[in-house]
Amino acid sequence: MSDFETKPKFGVILFQSSQGAIGAEKMLEEHKIEYKLIPVPTNLSSNCGFCIRFKWEDREKIEKMLKKSNLGVEKILPI
C-alpha cells in the first residue's frame, strides 16, 4: 500500500431485502459490534433501501457471521 492509499474507515453491507438488514442488525447487536442502519448511498445499487454501515476493521468478523446466516447479503463494500 502506498503512502497515498489509506484503509477505508467504514464499510457497508447491502441486502436483497429490508428483512435481511433487520436480521443483520439484531445479529450485530448480539455480538456487540458497532453499526448504523442507514439508507443506501445513492452511488450504490441495492434491492433494499437500507444498508448497515460498520467499522471496516470489523469486516472479517462480520463476514464470518454473515456466511453462517441466510440474510440475503448482496455485497460488502468499503466506503
PDB file of N, CA and C in Angstrom:
ATOM      1  N   MET A   1       0.847  -1.171   0.000  1.00  0.00           N
ATOM      2  CA  MET A   1       0.000   0.000   0.000  1.00  0.00           C
ATOM      3  C   MET A   1       0.894   1.236   0.000  1.00  0.00           C
ATOM      4  N   SER A   2       0.666   2.139  -0.898  1.00  0.00           N
ATOM      5  CA  SER A   2       1.491   3.341  -0.989  1.00  0.00           C
ATOM      6  C   SER A   2       1.093   4.346   0.080  1.00  0.00           C
ATOM      7  N   ASP A   3       1.910   5.408   0.197  1.00  0.00           N
ATOM      8  CA  ASP A   3       1.635   6.460   1.169  1.00  0.00           C
ATOM      9  C   ASP A   3       0.313   7.168   0.882  1.00  0.00           C
ATOM     10  N   PHE A   4      -0.126   7.137  -0.374  1.00  0.00           N
ATOM     11  CA  PHE A   4      -1.338   7.849  -0.757  1.00  0.00           C
ATOM     12  C   PHE A   4      -2.596   7.019  -0.548  1.00  0.00           C
ATOM     13  N   GLU A   5      -2.435   5.724  -0.387  1.00  0.00           N
ATOM     14  CA  GLU A   5      -3.590   4.854  -0.169  1.00  0.00           C
ATOM     15  C   GLU A   5      -3.855   4.756   1.328  1.00  0.00           C
ATOM     16  N   THR A   6      -5.103   4.806   1.685  1.00  0.00           N
ATOM     17  CA  THR A   6      -5.473   4.648   3.081  1.00  0.00           C
ATOM     18  C   THR A   6      -6.511   3.547   3.202  1.00  0.00           C
ATOM     19  N   LYS A   7      -6.515   2.914   4.349  1.00  0.00           N
ATOM     20  CA  LYS A   7      -7.523   1.895   4.596  1.00  0.00           C
ATOM     21  C   LYS A   7      -8.864   2.582   4.777  1.00  0.00           C
ATOM     22  N   PRO A   8      -9.922   1.967   4.282  1.00  0.00           N
ATOM     23  CA  PRO A   8     -11.245   2.559   4.492  1.00  0.00           C
ATOM     24  C   PRO A   8     -11.575   2.591   5.980  1.00  0.00           C
ATOM     25  N   LYS A   9     -12.312   3.599   6.386  1.00  0.00           N
ATOM     26  CA  LYS A   9     -12.722   3.700   7.783  1.00  0.00           C
ATOM     27  C   LYS A   9     -14.005   2.904   8.032  1.00  0.00           C
ATOM     28  N   PHE A  10     -14.899   2.925   7.033  1.00  0.00           N
ATOM     29  CA  PHE A  10     -16.180   2.245   7.170  1.00  0.00           C
ATOM     30  C   PHE A  10     -16.453   1.357   5.967  1.00  0.00           C
ATOM     31  N   GLY A  11     -17.393   0.456   6.165  1.00  0.00           N
ATOM     32  CA  GLY A  11     -17.897  -0.364   5.086  1.00  0.00           C
ATOM     33  C   GLY A  11     -19.408  -0.390   5.173  1.00  0.00           C
ATOM     34  N   VAL A  12     -20.046  -0.878   4.119  1.00  0.00           N
ATOM     35  CA  VAL A  12     -21.497  -1.060   4.133  1.00  0.00           C
ATOM     36  C   VAL A  12     -21.837  -2.471   3.670  1.00  0.00           C
ATOM     37  N   ILE A  13     -22.916  -2.974   4.222  1.00  0.00           N
ATOM     38  CA  ILE A  13     -23.450  -4.269   3.816  1.00  0.00           C
ATOM     39  C   ILE A  13     -24.756  -3.982   3.102  1.00  0.00           C
ATOM     40  N   LEU A  14     -24.853  -4.403   1.839  1.00  0.00           N
ATOM     41  CA  LEU A  14     -26.072  -4.232   1.055  1.00  0.00           C
ATOM     42  C   LEU A  14     -26.851  -5.545   1.082  1.00  0.00           C
ATOM     43  N   PHE A  15     -28.165  -5.436   1.170  1.00  0.00           N
ATOM     44  CA  PHE A  15     -29.027  -6.606   1.302  1.00  0.00           C
ATOM     45  C   PHE A  15     -30.043  -6.667   0.170  1.00  0.00           C
ATOM     46  N   GLN A  16     -30.566  -7.856  -0.049  1.00  0.00           N
ATOM     47  CA  GLN A  16     -31.605  -8.053  -1.056  1.00  0.00           C
ATOM     48  C   GLN A  16     -32.967  -7.597  -0.548  1.00  0.00           C
ATOM     49  N   SER A  17     -33.120  -7.522   0.782  1.00  0.00           N
ATOM     50  CA  SER A  17     -34.408  -7.103   1.345  1.00  0.00           C
ATOM     51  C   SER A  17     -34.184  -6.398   2.679  1.00  0.00           C
ATOM     52  N   SER A  18     -35.183  -5.651   3.102  1.00  0.00           N
ATOM     53  CA  SER A  18     -35.075  -4.963   4.392  1.00  0.00           C
ATOM     54  C   SER A  18     -35.077  -5.964   5.549  1.00  0.00           C
ATOM     55  N   GLN A  19     -35.710  -7.125   5.360  1.00  0.00           N
ATOM     56  CA  GLN A  19     -35.697  -8.155   6.401  1.00  0.00           C
ATOM     57  C   GLN A  19     -34.271  -8.627   6.679  1.00  0.00           C
ATOM     58  N   GLY A  20     -33.446  -8.720   5.631  1.00  0.00           N
ATOM     59  CA  GLY A  20     -32.048  -9.100   5.817  1.00  0.00           C
ATOM     60  C   GLY A  20     -31.291  -8.068   6.621  1.00  0.00           C
ATOM     61  N   ALA A  21     -31.540  -6.800   6.335  1.00  0.00           N
ATOM     62  CA  ALA A  21     -30.876  -5.722   7.067  1.00  0.00           C
ATOM     63  C   ALA A  21     -31.272  -5.746   8.539  1.00  0.00           C
ATOM     64  N   ILE A  22     -32.533  -5.972   8.807  1.00  0.00           N
ATOM     65  CA  ILE A  22     -33.007  -6.025  10.189  1.00  0.00           C
ATOM     66  C   ILE A  22     -32.437  -7.246  10.914  1.00  0.00           C
ATOM     67  N   GLY A  23     -32.363  -8.375  10.222  1.00  0.00           N
ATOM     68  CA  GLY A  23     -31.772  -9.574  10.816  1.00  0.00           C
ATOM     69  C   GLY A  23     -30.301  -9.374  11.144  1.00  0.00           C
ATOM     70  N   ALA A  24     -29.563  -8.731  10.247  1.00  0.00           N
ATOM     71  CA  ALA A  24     -28.146  -8.464  10.494  1.00  0.00           C
ATOM     72  C   ALA A  24     -27.981  -7.484  11.643  1.00  0.00           C
ATOM     73  N   GLU A  25     -28.882  -6.524  11.725  1.00  0.00           N
ATOM     74  CA  GLU A  25     -28.847  -5.551  12.818  1.00  0.00           C
ATOM     75  C   GLU A  25     -28.941  -6.280  14.166  1.00  0.00           C
ATOM     76  N   LYS A  26     -29.857  -7.202  14.267  1.00  0.00           N
ATOM     77  CA  LYS A  26     -30.017  -7.985  15.507  1.00  0.00           C
ATOM     78  C   LYS A  26     -28.762  -8.805  15.806  1.00  0.00           C
ATOM     79  N   MET A  27     -28.196  -9.414  14.774  1.00  0.00           N
ATOM     80  CA  MET A  27     -27.003 -10.228  14.940  1.00  0.00           C
ATOM     81  C   MET A  27     -25.825  -9.380  15.437  1.00  0.00           C
ATOM     82  N   LEU A  28     -25.639  -8.198  14.859  1.00  0.00           N
ATOM     83  CA  LEU A  28     -24.542  -7.322  15.265  1.00  0.00           C
ATOM     84  C   LEU A  28     -24.737  -6.826  16.696  1.00  0.00           C
ATOM     85  N   GLU A  29     -25.983  -6.550  17.068  1.00  0.00           N
ATOM     86  CA  GLU A  29     -26.264  -6.142  18.452  1.00  0.00           C
ATOM     87  C   GLU A  29     -25.886  -7.251  19.422  1.00  0.00           C
ATOM     88  N   GLU A  30     -26.264  -8.483  19.098  1.00  0.00           N
ATOM     89  CA  GLU A  30     -25.958  -9.624  19.966  1.00  0.00           C
ATOM     90  C   GLU A  30     -24.460  -9.798  20.165  1.00  0.00           C
ATOM     91  N   HIS A  31     -23.675  -9.491  19.135  1.00  0.00           N
ATOM     92  CA  HIS A  31     -22.224  -9.650  19.208  1.00  0.00           C
ATOM     93  C   HIS A  31     -21.516  -8.356  19.612  1.00  0.00           C
ATOM     94  N   LYS A  32     -22.307  -7.341  19.975  1.00  0.00           N
ATOM     95  CA  LYS A  32     -21.778  -6.062  20.456  1.00  0.00           C
ATOM     96  C   LYS A  32     -20.797  -5.413  19.471  1.00  0.00           C
ATOM     97  N   ILE A  33     -21.177  -5.453  18.186  1.00  0.00           N
ATOM     98  CA  ILE A  33     -20.388  -4.814  17.126  1.00  0.00           C
ATOM     99  C   ILE A  33     -21.074  -3.508  16.763  1.00  0.00           C
ATOM    100  N   GLU A  34     -20.304  -2.426  16.737  1.00  0.00           N
ATOM    101  CA  GLU A  34     -20.861  -1.121  16.391  1.00  0.00           C
ATOM    102  C   GLU A  34     -21.305  -1.101  14.934  1.00  0.00           C
ATOM    103  N   TYR A  35     -22.469  -0.519  14.692  1.00  0.00           N
ATOM    104  CA  TYR A  35     -23.018  -0.416  13.345  1.00  0.00           C
ATOM    105  C   TYR A  35     -24.030   0.717  13.329  1.00  0.00           C
ATOM    106  N   LYS A  36     -24.491   1.040  12.148  1.00  0.00           N
ATOM    107  CA  LYS A  36     -25.572   2.009  11.993  1.00  0.00           C
ATOM    108  C   LYS A  36     -26.393   1.607  10.781  1.00  0.00           C
ATOM    109  N   LEU A  37     -27.704   1.521  10.946  1.00  0.00           N
ATOM    110  CA  LEU A  37     -28.612   1.242   9.836  1.00  0.00           C
ATOM    111  C   LEU A  37     -28.852   2.563   9.115  1.00  0.00           C
ATOM    112  N   ILE A  38     -28.503   2.607   7.821  1.00  0.00           N
ATOM    113  CA  ILE A  38     -28.599   3.852   7.051  1.00  0.00           C
ATOM    114  C   ILE A  38     -29.265   3.591   5.704  1.00  0.00           C
ATOM    115  N   PRO A  39     -29.777   4.650   5.055  1.00  0.00           N
ATOM    116  CA  PRO A  39     -30.263   4.488   3.681  1.00  0.00           C
ATOM    117  C   PRO A  39     -29.091   4.139   2.764  1.00  0.00           C
ATOM    118  N   VAL A  40     -29.343   3.360   1.739  1.00  0.00           N
ATOM    119  CA  VAL A  40     -28.284   3.002   0.795  1.00  0.00           C
ATOM    120  C   VAL A  40     -27.787   4.282   0.111  1.00  0.00           C
ATOM    121  N   PRO A  41     -26.470   4.523   0.115  1.00  0.00           N
ATOM    122  CA  PRO A  41     -25.942   5.706  -0.587  1.00  0.00           C
ATOM    123  C   PRO A  41     -26.356   5.693  -2.061  1.00  0.00           C
ATOM    124  N   THR A  42     -26.618   6.865  -2.612  1.00  0.00           N
ATOM    125  CA  THR A  42     -27.143   6.958  -3.971  1.00  0.00           C
ATOM    126  C   THR A  42     -26.190   6.406  -5.027  1.00  0.00           C
ATOM    127  N   ASN A  43     -24.893   6.370  -4.734  1.00  0.00           N
ATOM    128  CA  ASN A  43     -23.945   5.856  -5.727  1.00  0.00           C
ATOM    129  C   ASN A  43     -23.822   4.332  -5.711  1.00  0.00           C
ATOM    130  N   LEU A  44     -24.544   3.663  -4.825  1.00  0.00           N
ATOM    131  CA  LEU A  44     -24.524   2.201  -4.750  1.00  0.00           C
ATOM    132  C   LEU A  44     -25.894   1.672  -5.134  1.00  0.00           C
ATOM    133  N   SER A  45     -25.917   0.486  -5.700  1.00  0.00           N
ATOM    134  CA  SER A  45     -27.215  -0.089  -6.055  1.00  0.00           C
ATOM    135  C   SER A  45     -27.553  -1.224  -5.102  1.00  0.00           C
ATOM    136  N   SER A  46     -28.822  -1.372  -4.831  1.00  0.00           N
ATOM    137  CA  SER A  46     -29.280  -2.435  -3.956  1.00  0.00           C
ATOM    138  C   SER A  46     -30.772  -2.640  -4.168  1.00  0.00           C
ATOM    139  N   ASN A  47     -31.235  -3.829  -3.895  1.00  0.00           N
ATOM    140  CA  ASN A  47     -32.668  -4.100  -3.962  1.00  0.00           C
ATOM    141  C   ASN A  47     -33.388  -3.569  -2.729  1.00  0.00           C
ATOM    142  N   CYS A  48     -32.638  -3.297  -1.697  1.00  0.00           N
ATOM    143  CA  CYS A  48     -33.189  -2.860  -0.424  1.00  0.00           C
ATOM    144  C   CYS A  48     -32.833  -1.392  -0.218  1.00  0.00           C
ATOM    145  N   GLY A  49     -33.679  -0.641   0.444  1.00  0.00           N
ATOM    146  CA  GLY A  49     -33.419   0.778   0.673  1.00  0.00           C
ATOM    147  C   GLY A  49     -32.508   1.046   1.848  1.00  0.00           C
ATOM    148  N   PHE A  50     -32.176   0.002   2.630  1.00  0.00           N
ATOM    149  CA  PHE A  50     -31.336   0.169   3.809  1.00  0.00           C
ATOM    150  C   PHE A  50     -30.065  -0.648   3.693  1.00  0.00           C
ATOM    151  N   CYS A  51     -29.035  -0.175   4.346  1.00  0.00           N
ATOM    152  CA  CYS A  51     -27.801  -0.937   4.459  1.00  0.00           C
ATOM    153  C   CYS A  51     -27.246  -0.723   5.861  1.00  0.00           C
ATOM    154  N   ILE A  52     -26.252  -1.484   6.196  1.00  0.00           N
ATOM    155  CA  ILE A  52     -25.612  -1.348   7.505  1.00  0.00           C
ATOM    156  C   ILE A  52     -24.202  -0.824   7.300  1.00  0.00           C
ATOM    157  N   ARG A  53     -23.901   0.276   7.991  1.00  0.00           N
ATOM    158  CA  ARG A  53     -22.545   0.830   7.982  1.00  0.00           C
ATOM    159  C   ARG A  53     -21.829   0.295   9.221  1.00  0.00           C
ATOM    160  N   PHE A  54     -20.579  -0.096   9.045  1.00  0.00           N
ATOM    161  CA  PHE A  54     -19.797  -0.664  10.142  1.00  0.00           C
ATOM    162  C   PHE A  54     -18.353  -0.200  10.018  1.00  0.00           C
ATOM    163  N   LYS A  55     -17.606  -0.380  11.095  1.00  0.00           N
ATOM    164  CA  LYS A  55     -16.174  -0.064  11.068  1.00  0.00           C
ATOM    165  C   LYS A  55     -15.470  -1.126  10.226  1.00  0.00           C
ATOM    166  N   TRP A  56     -14.683  -0.676   9.268  1.00  0.00           N
ATOM    167  CA  TRP A  56     -14.009  -1.594   8.349  1.00  0.00           C
ATOM    168  C   TRP A  56     -13.128  -2.595   9.083  1.00  0.00           C
ATOM    169  N   GLU A  57     -12.594  -2.200  10.209  1.00  0.00           N
ATOM    170  CA  GLU A  57     -11.739  -3.110  10.986  1.00  0.00           C
ATOM    171  C   GLU A  57     -12.507  -4.339  11.486  1.00  0.00           C
ATOM    172  N   ASP A  58     -13.840  -4.280  11.515  1.00  0.00           N
ATOM    173  CA  ASP A  58     -14.672  -5.412  11.942  1.00  0.00           C
ATOM    174  C   ASP A  58     -15.116  -6.296  10.783  1.00  0.00           C
ATOM    175  N   ARG A  59     -14.657  -5.991   9.571  1.00  0.00           N
ATOM    176  CA  ARG A  59     -15.138  -6.673   8.364  1.00  0.00           C
ATOM    177  C   ARG A  59     -14.992  -8.192   8.427  1.00  0.00           C
ATOM    178  N   GLU A  60     -13.824  -8.688   8.770  1.00  0.00           N
ATOM    179  CA  GLU A  60     -13.616 -10.143   8.759  1.00  0.00           C
ATOM    180  C   GLU A  60     -14.543 -10.851   9.740  1.00  0.00           C
ATOM    181  N   LYS A  61     -14.697 -10.299  10.916  1.00  0.00           N
ATOM    182  CA  LYS A  61     -15.586 -10.880  11.929  1.00  0.00           C
ATOM    183  C   LYS A  61     -17.034 -10.887  11.420  1.00  0.00           C
ATOM    184  N   ILE A  62     -17.455  -9.782  10.804  1.00  0.00           N
ATOM    185  CA  ILE A  62     -18.815  -9.671  10.286  1.00  0.00           C
ATOM    186  C   ILE A  62     -19.032 -10.641   9.132  1.00  0.00           C
ATOM    187  N   GLU A  63     -18.060 -10.745   8.228  1.00  0.00           N
ATOM    188  CA  GLU A  63     -18.197 -11.674   7.092  1.00  0.00           C
ATOM    189  C   GLU A  63     -18.363 -13.107   7.570  1.00  0.00           C
ATOM    190  N   LYS A  64     -17.617 -13.506   8.596  1.00  0.00           N
ATOM    191  CA  LYS A  64     -17.748 -14.866   9.134  1.00  0.00           C
ATOM    192  C   LYS A  64     -19.149 -15.110   9.677  1.00  0.00           C
ATOM    193  N   MET A  65     -19.689 -14.123  10.390  1.00  0.00           N
ATOM    194  CA  MET A  65     -21.038 -14.270  10.935  1.00  0.00           C
ATOM    195  C   MET A  65     -22.076 -14.331   9.821  1.00  0.00           C
ATOM    196  N   LEU A  66     -21.920 -13.485   8.808  1.00  0.00           N
ATOM    197  CA  LEU A  66     -22.896 -13.440   7.723  1.00  0.00           C
ATOM    198  C   LEU A  66     -22.887 -14.719   6.890  1.00  0.00           C
ATOM    199  N   LYS A  67     -21.728 -15.359   6.755  1.00  0.00           N
ATOM    200  CA  LYS A  67     -21.656 -16.617   5.993  1.00  0.00           C
ATOM    201  C   LYS A  67     -22.512 -17.697   6.627  1.00  0.00           C
ATOM    202  N   LYS A  68     -22.665 -17.631   7.947  1.00  0.00           N
ATOM    203  CA  LYS A  68     -23.457 -18.626   8.672  1.00  0.00           C
ATOM    204  C   LYS A  68     -24.944 -18.296   8.650  1.00  0.00           C
ATOM    205  N   SER A  69     -25.290 -17.117   8.145  1.00  0.00           N
ATOM    206  CA  SER A  69     -26.687 -16.684   8.152  1.00  0.00           C
ATOM    207  C   SER A  69     -27.291 -16.823   6.756  1.00  0.00           C
ATOM    208  N   ASN A  70     -28.568 -16.593   6.688  1.00  0.00           N
ATOM    209  CA  ASN A  70     -29.277 -16.600   5.412  1.00  0.00           C
ATOM    210  C   ASN A  70     -30.009 -15.264   5.285  1.00  0.00           C
ATOM    211  N   LEU A  71     -29.241 -14.172   5.288  1.00  0.00           N
ATOM    212  CA  LEU A  71     -29.829 -12.839   5.345  1.00  0.00           C
ATOM    213  C   LEU A  71     -29.883 -12.131   3.994  1.00  0.00           C
ATOM    214  N   GLY A  72     -29.508 -12.793   2.939  1.00  0.00           N
ATOM    215  CA  GLY A  72     -29.587 -12.183   1.610  1.00  0.00           C
ATOM    216  C   GLY A  72     -28.636 -11.031   1.416  1.00  0.00           C
ATOM    217  N   VAL A  73     -27.381 -11.246   1.770  1.00  0.00           N
ATOM    218  CA  VAL A  73     -26.362 -10.205   1.579  1.00  0.00           C
ATOM    219  C   VAL A  73     -26.072 -10.078   0.095  1.00  0.00           C
ATOM    220  N   GLU A  74     -26.152  -8.866  -0.389  1.00  0.00           N
ATOM    221  CA  GLU A  74     -25.862  -8.591  -1.796  1.00  0.00           C
ATOM    222  C   GLU A  74     -24.375  -8.309  -1.992  1.00  0.00           C
ATOM    223  N   LYS A  75     -23.838  -7.389  -1.190  1.00  0.00           N
ATOM    224  CA  LYS A  75     -22.415  -7.009  -1.291  1.00  0.00           C
ATOM    225  C   LYS A  75     -21.941  -6.425   0.029  1.00  0.00           C
ATOM    226  N   ILE A  76     -20.635  -6.483   0.230  1.00  0.00           N
ATOM    227  CA  ILE A  76     -19.981  -5.750   1.312  1.00  0.00           C
ATOM    228  C   ILE A  76     -18.932  -4.875   0.648  1.00  0.00           C
ATOM    229  N   LEU A  77     -19.046  -3.576   0.869  1.00  0.00           N
ATOM    230  CA  LEU A  77     -18.183  -2.623   0.187  1.00  0.00           C
ATOM    231  C   LEU A  77     -17.544  -1.635   1.155  1.00  0.00           C
ATOM    232  N   PRO A  78     -16.313  -1.211   0.867  1.00  0.00           N
ATOM    233  CA  PRO A  78     -15.720  -0.121   1.661  1.00  0.00           C
ATOM    234  C   PRO A  78     -16.307   1.219   1.229  1.00  0.00           C
ATOM    235  N   ILE A  79     -16.401   2.144   2.154  1.00  0.00           N
ATOM    236  CA  ILE A  79     -16.837   3.500   1.793  1.00  0.00           C
ATOM    237  C   ILE A  79     -15.906   4.522   2.433  1.00  0.00           C
TER     238      ILE A  79
END
